[in-house]
């Protein structure tokens, strides 16, 4: 089974993923689907759209679960 973590920019996208998209994807075989807000999206003063890659990469590195490897063969 596959888990999917979707990084989003604002609360509207977070709600869409968690309440609508997750249900659809889980019914198609995903184990879990969840949204994660990137950066300071909840702070009204920081709502300015897409951020620089270095800031996103830093947030992603902290929030991403460790990669799982599998052996086929």
N, C-alpha and C. Protein backbone atom coordinates (compact mmCIF):
# COMPACT_ATOMS: atom_id res chain seq x y z
N UNK A 1 0.85 -1.18 0.00
CA UNK A 1 0.00 0.00 0.00
C UNK A 1 0.89 1.24 0.00
N UNK A 2 0.37 2.30 -0.57
CA UNK A 2 1.12 3.53 -0.71
C UNK A 2 0.49 4.64 0.10
N UNK A 3 1.34 5.39 0.82
CA UNK A 3 0.89 6.59 1.54
C UNK A 3 1.27 7.80 0.71
N UNK A 4 0.40 8.82 0.70
CA UNK A 4 0.65 10.01 -0.08
C UNK A 4 0.53 11.24 0.81
N UNK A 5 1.57 12.06 0.82
CA UNK A 5 1.58 13.33 1.54
C UNK A 5 1.65 14.43 0.51
N UNK A 6 0.66 15.31 0.51
CA UNK A 6 0.58 16.38 -0.48
C UNK A 6 0.86 17.70 0.23
N UNK A 7 1.87 18.41 -0.24
CA UNK A 7 2.20 19.72 0.33
C UNK A 7 1.36 20.78 -0.36
N UNK A 8 0.69 21.61 0.44
CA UNK A 8 -0.22 22.62 -0.09
C UNK A 8 0.17 23.99 0.43
N UNK A 9 -0.34 25.04 -0.24
CA UNK A 9 0.00 26.41 0.10
C UNK A 9 -0.98 27.08 1.05
N UNK A 10 -2.24 26.66 1.08
CA UNK A 10 -3.19 27.35 1.95
C UNK A 10 -4.24 26.39 2.49
N UNK A 11 -5.08 26.92 3.39
CA UNK A 11 -6.06 26.09 4.08
C UNK A 11 -7.15 25.55 3.15
N UNK A 12 -7.47 26.29 2.08
CA UNK A 12 -8.46 25.81 1.12
C UNK A 12 -7.97 24.54 0.44
N UNK A 13 -6.72 24.54 0.02
CA UNK A 13 -6.14 23.34 -0.61
C UNK A 13 -6.04 22.20 0.40
N UNK A 14 -5.69 22.52 1.62
CA UNK A 14 -5.60 21.51 2.67
C UNK A 14 -6.96 20.84 2.88
N UNK A 15 -8.02 21.63 2.94
CA UNK A 15 -9.37 21.10 3.12
C UNK A 15 -9.77 20.24 1.92
N UNK A 16 -9.47 20.70 0.71
CA UNK A 16 -9.80 19.94 -0.50
C UNK A 16 -9.14 18.56 -0.47
N UNK A 17 -7.86 18.52 -0.13
CA UNK A 17 -7.13 17.25 -0.11
C UNK A 17 -7.69 16.34 0.99
N UNK A 18 -7.83 16.86 2.19
CA UNK A 18 -8.22 16.03 3.32
C UNK A 18 -9.68 15.56 3.26
N UNK A 19 -10.57 16.38 2.70
CA UNK A 19 -12.00 16.04 2.73
C UNK A 19 -12.54 15.46 1.43
N UNK A 20 -11.88 15.70 0.32
CA UNK A 20 -12.42 15.22 -0.95
C UNK A 20 -11.44 14.32 -1.70
N UNK A 21 -10.27 14.81 -1.98
CA UNK A 21 -9.30 14.04 -2.76
C UNK A 21 -8.87 12.77 -2.03
N UNK A 22 -8.67 12.85 -0.72
CA UNK A 22 -8.23 11.68 0.05
C UNK A 22 -9.23 10.54 -0.07
N UNK A 23 -10.51 10.84 0.03
CA UNK A 23 -11.54 9.80 -0.06
C UNK A 23 -11.45 9.10 -1.42
N UNK A 24 -11.30 9.88 -2.47
CA UNK A 24 -11.20 9.32 -3.82
C UNK A 24 -9.96 8.44 -3.97
N UNK A 25 -8.81 8.96 -3.54
CA UNK A 25 -7.56 8.20 -3.72
C UNK A 25 -7.50 6.95 -2.85
N UNK A 26 -8.04 7.03 -1.66
CA UNK A 26 -8.07 5.84 -0.79
C UNK A 26 -8.95 4.76 -1.41
N UNK A 27 -10.05 5.18 -2.06
CA UNK A 27 -10.91 4.19 -2.71
C UNK A 27 -10.23 3.55 -3.93
N UNK A 28 -9.13 4.14 -4.38
CA UNK A 28 -8.38 3.61 -5.51
C UNK A 28 -7.05 2.98 -5.08
N UNK A 29 -6.93 2.63 -3.79
CA UNK A 29 -5.80 1.82 -3.37
C UNK A 29 -4.75 2.46 -2.49
N UNK A 30 -4.81 3.78 -2.26
CA UNK A 30 -3.83 4.39 -1.36
C UNK A 30 -4.16 4.02 0.07
N UNK A 31 -3.14 3.79 0.87
CA UNK A 31 -3.33 3.46 2.28
C UNK A 31 -3.79 4.69 3.06
N UNK A 32 -3.15 5.82 2.81
CA UNK A 32 -3.53 7.08 3.44
C UNK A 32 -3.13 8.24 2.55
N UNK A 33 -3.89 9.32 2.67
CA UNK A 33 -3.62 10.54 1.92
C UNK A 33 -3.84 11.70 2.88
N UNK A 34 -2.88 12.60 2.96
CA UNK A 34 -3.05 13.76 3.83
C UNK A 34 -2.33 14.97 3.26
N UNK A 35 -2.81 16.15 3.67
CA UNK A 35 -2.22 17.41 3.23
C UNK A 35 -1.36 17.99 4.34
N UNK A 36 -0.32 18.67 3.94
CA UNK A 36 0.55 19.36 4.90
C UNK A 36 0.78 20.77 4.39
N UNK A 37 0.44 21.75 5.23
CA UNK A 37 0.70 23.15 4.87
C UNK A 37 2.19 23.41 4.88
N UNK A 38 2.66 24.12 3.87
CA UNK A 38 4.07 24.46 3.78
C UNK A 38 4.31 25.82 4.41
N UNK A 39 5.35 25.92 5.19
CA UNK A 39 5.78 27.21 5.74
C UNK A 39 4.79 27.80 6.72
N UNK A 40 4.62 29.12 6.64
CA UNK A 40 3.78 29.86 7.57
C UNK A 40 2.43 30.21 6.98
N UNK A 41 1.82 29.28 6.27
CA UNK A 41 0.58 29.55 5.55
C UNK A 41 -0.56 29.97 6.48
N UNK A 42 -0.54 29.55 7.72
CA UNK A 42 -1.63 29.91 8.63
C UNK A 42 -1.52 31.35 9.12
N UNK A 43 -0.37 31.97 8.98
CA UNK A 43 -0.19 33.36 9.41
C UNK A 43 -0.63 34.29 8.27
N UNK A 44 -1.61 35.12 8.54
CA UNK A 44 -2.16 36.00 7.50
C UNK A 44 -1.08 36.86 6.86
N UNK A 45 -0.08 37.28 7.60
CA UNK A 45 0.96 38.14 7.06
C UNK A 45 1.89 37.41 6.09
N UNK A 46 1.84 36.09 6.06
CA UNK A 46 2.73 35.30 5.21
C UNK A 46 2.02 34.66 4.02
N UNK A 47 0.83 35.13 3.71
CA UNK A 47 0.08 34.55 2.59
C UNK A 47 0.44 35.29 1.31
N UNK A 48 1.43 34.80 0.62
CA UNK A 48 1.87 35.50 -0.58
C UNK A 48 2.17 34.55 -1.73
N UNK A 49 1.54 33.40 -1.76
CA UNK A 49 1.71 32.48 -2.89
C UNK A 49 2.93 31.61 -2.78
N UNK A 50 3.45 31.22 -3.93
CA UNK A 50 4.56 30.29 -4.01
C UNK A 50 5.82 30.91 -3.42
N UNK A 51 6.54 30.11 -2.66
CA UNK A 51 7.77 30.58 -2.03
C UNK A 51 8.98 30.08 -2.80
N UNK A 52 10.13 30.63 -2.44
CA UNK A 52 11.38 30.22 -3.07
C UNK A 52 11.64 28.74 -2.80
N UNK A 53 12.29 28.05 -3.75
CA UNK A 53 12.54 26.62 -3.63
C UNK A 53 13.31 26.28 -2.36
N UNK A 54 14.30 27.06 -1.98
CA UNK A 54 15.09 26.74 -0.79
C UNK A 54 14.22 26.67 0.46
N UNK A 55 13.26 27.57 0.60
CA UNK A 55 12.37 27.56 1.75
C UNK A 55 11.45 26.33 1.71
N UNK A 56 10.92 26.01 0.54
CA UNK A 56 10.05 24.84 0.40
C UNK A 56 10.83 23.57 0.67
N UNK A 57 12.04 23.48 0.12
CA UNK A 57 12.87 22.29 0.31
C UNK A 57 13.18 22.08 1.79
N UNK A 58 13.46 23.16 2.49
CA UNK A 58 13.75 23.07 3.92
C UNK A 58 12.54 22.54 4.68
N UNK A 59 11.34 23.08 4.40
CA UNK A 59 10.12 22.59 5.04
C UNK A 59 9.86 21.14 4.70
N UNK A 60 10.06 20.77 3.44
CA UNK A 60 9.79 19.41 2.98
C UNK A 60 10.73 18.43 3.67
N UNK A 61 12.00 18.78 3.80
CA UNK A 61 12.98 17.90 4.42
C UNK A 61 12.59 17.61 5.86
N UNK A 62 12.06 18.61 6.56
CA UNK A 62 11.66 18.44 7.96
C UNK A 62 10.39 17.61 8.07
N UNK A 63 9.42 17.80 7.15
CA UNK A 63 8.12 17.16 7.31
C UNK A 63 7.98 15.81 6.61
N UNK A 64 8.85 15.51 5.68
CA UNK A 64 8.71 14.26 4.91
C UNK A 64 9.06 13.05 5.78
N UNK A 65 8.23 12.02 5.71
CA UNK A 65 8.56 10.79 6.43
C UNK A 65 9.76 10.12 5.78
N UNK A 66 10.48 9.32 6.54
CA UNK A 66 11.63 8.62 5.95
C UNK A 66 11.19 7.72 4.80
N UNK A 67 11.99 7.66 3.79
CA UNK A 67 11.67 6.82 2.63
C UNK A 67 11.75 5.35 3.01
N UNK A 68 10.78 4.61 2.49
CA UNK A 68 10.79 3.16 2.70
C UNK A 68 11.32 2.52 1.43
N UNK A 69 12.15 1.53 1.61
CA UNK A 69 12.65 0.82 0.43
C UNK A 69 12.06 -0.57 0.45
N UNK A 70 11.92 -1.12 -0.73
CA UNK A 70 11.40 -2.50 -0.81
C UNK A 70 12.28 -3.28 -1.74
N UNK A 71 12.37 -4.54 -1.47
CA UNK A 71 13.17 -5.45 -2.29
C UNK A 71 12.20 -6.26 -3.15
N UNK A 72 12.42 -6.26 -4.42
CA UNK A 72 11.62 -7.07 -5.33
C UNK A 72 12.53 -8.15 -5.92
N UNK A 73 11.99 -9.31 -5.98
CA UNK A 73 12.82 -10.31 -6.61
C UNK A 73 12.71 -11.63 -6.07
